[in-house]
């Protein structure tokens, strides 16, 4: 057995289904060995997409996604995808080929210190020096990626190590890592403190982040909120933890969140933050918003607790385990007056939004992004997967998406344009029977449109909605509001012609040019089990409200 054979055998033992990647000489032994197995490979068109596809796969499957690329530019190209996964705590294992270990440090062809370059973007990294270490390293890598605070792990393997012979192969049943022991069980003393404060509170709010999905605890969250009669808000990464129609849910918080959700956070006398970082996008002034109220911070990563806002009650633990213990506690008397007040806020906001939308529809016949994306989410299959890219399309999606029984994915922490389409590839392969829709602006689309070839080659059915305003919309919006309409480096022009591009990639093409076309065209777009591209032309002066 060679080192490459051992690597592939480890993937089989980890029940890996797909490897997303791009080959090169330094990773060829690995890809040659993979031919002997049932593991399926997906050739993306640029290495960054390999990590994004692994990211989408991991978020839907609950298992670590795998990407494998070659050395030098192959490895450096994947860094943005690794950083994207790191910022959102997504478990992926990235394998990079490397030049011959005897030549490391010699600046030979396609040598790059990828381990050093990724130092701040990985949970852990390995440089394999001896083929005998491969089973242990692979076992540790998958455990590290998908435990505690999840995240990307890098394994850099020189080509000579891939070719070397192993004396024996033994895959460890257990991982022995003395310095890595994540806390899973929440401390009962702290949990009792939480409930003591909860009983005293008059206006508590539960704010959930993306950690709720990473822990697989969304259903437990809903059960807990219902049992306690507790109102819930979410960060961007927590969208979908509660159904939009749930009377206990009051929307997304933060700079681009719902006003009723932000008012709930401001007026609460107790905030329970679960699986969220209390970072600037969800809480712009954490010191101010937690003033004069009980702040409880629950996270599996102790480093996050107190980093941006000091909690009165810190609680370290996996959210699934913590909510199990929460559900064992008796239900309270509820918070009727508080819920009634928040419901009034929500109704007032919905009335304002509807009034603003109707005014917008009267003023312009060009498609309204809010109407378009609301209708899209309502027409999708209930368990459909909606993947928003970054920019105005992301913020319109956050405000308009109606959660029923599906998932909402986006790049929240890093805000990486070009994420949506490759992540959709991974998500669809993780859940082939579920509808997957990618929503993306024309700027982000041109960063990943080469992956239309990947969709075509592997018969992956993803619906792609491109919001085309011929500009980098969110940057242009900033320049409008803060730089006195001095627009610089934001004009994209009208190319490419998406109808011709769709024809080139054998995709069904549709377009929306007027509001009155939205309903019919969306129904046509979503029908069938094929890939389709829907172009929606919107006003470049349209801004996120």
Foldseek 3Di string as FASTA:
>chain_A
DALLLQLLVLCVVLVAAEEEEAEDPLCVLNVVNNVVDNRYYFYFDALLLRLLLQQLQCLQQVFAGHYEYEAAPSLVRNLVSQQLQQQLLGQYEYEYGAAAPVCPPVPDPRHDPSCVVCVPRFPEEEEDDASQCSLLVSVVSRPQQQDQRHGYYYYYYYSVRRGHDDPDDDHDPDHDDPVDDFAAAKDVVLVVVVVVVVQVWQQEEEEEALLCSSLPNLVLVVVLCVLQVHAYEYALRCPQSDFQPPLRYQWHAFPLIFPLVPVSLQPTQEYEYEHDLCDCRRPVQQANSCPNHAYEYEGRDPVSAPPRHHGPRYIHHRVNNSSVVSVVDHHHPHNVVNSVVSSVSSVVRVVVVVVVVVVVVVVDFAADLLVLLLLLLVLFDLAAEEEEAAAQRSSSNRVRHGHGNYYYHYSDRVRDQLSFPSSQNSNCVSPVVHAYEYEHEPVSCVVRVSSLLSCLVVVRAYEYEYEYAQWRQRVQVCCVPPVVNPDDPTGRDDDDPVVVVCVVSVAAEEEAGGNVCSNVVSNVSRDDRHYHYYYRYGHSPDDSD
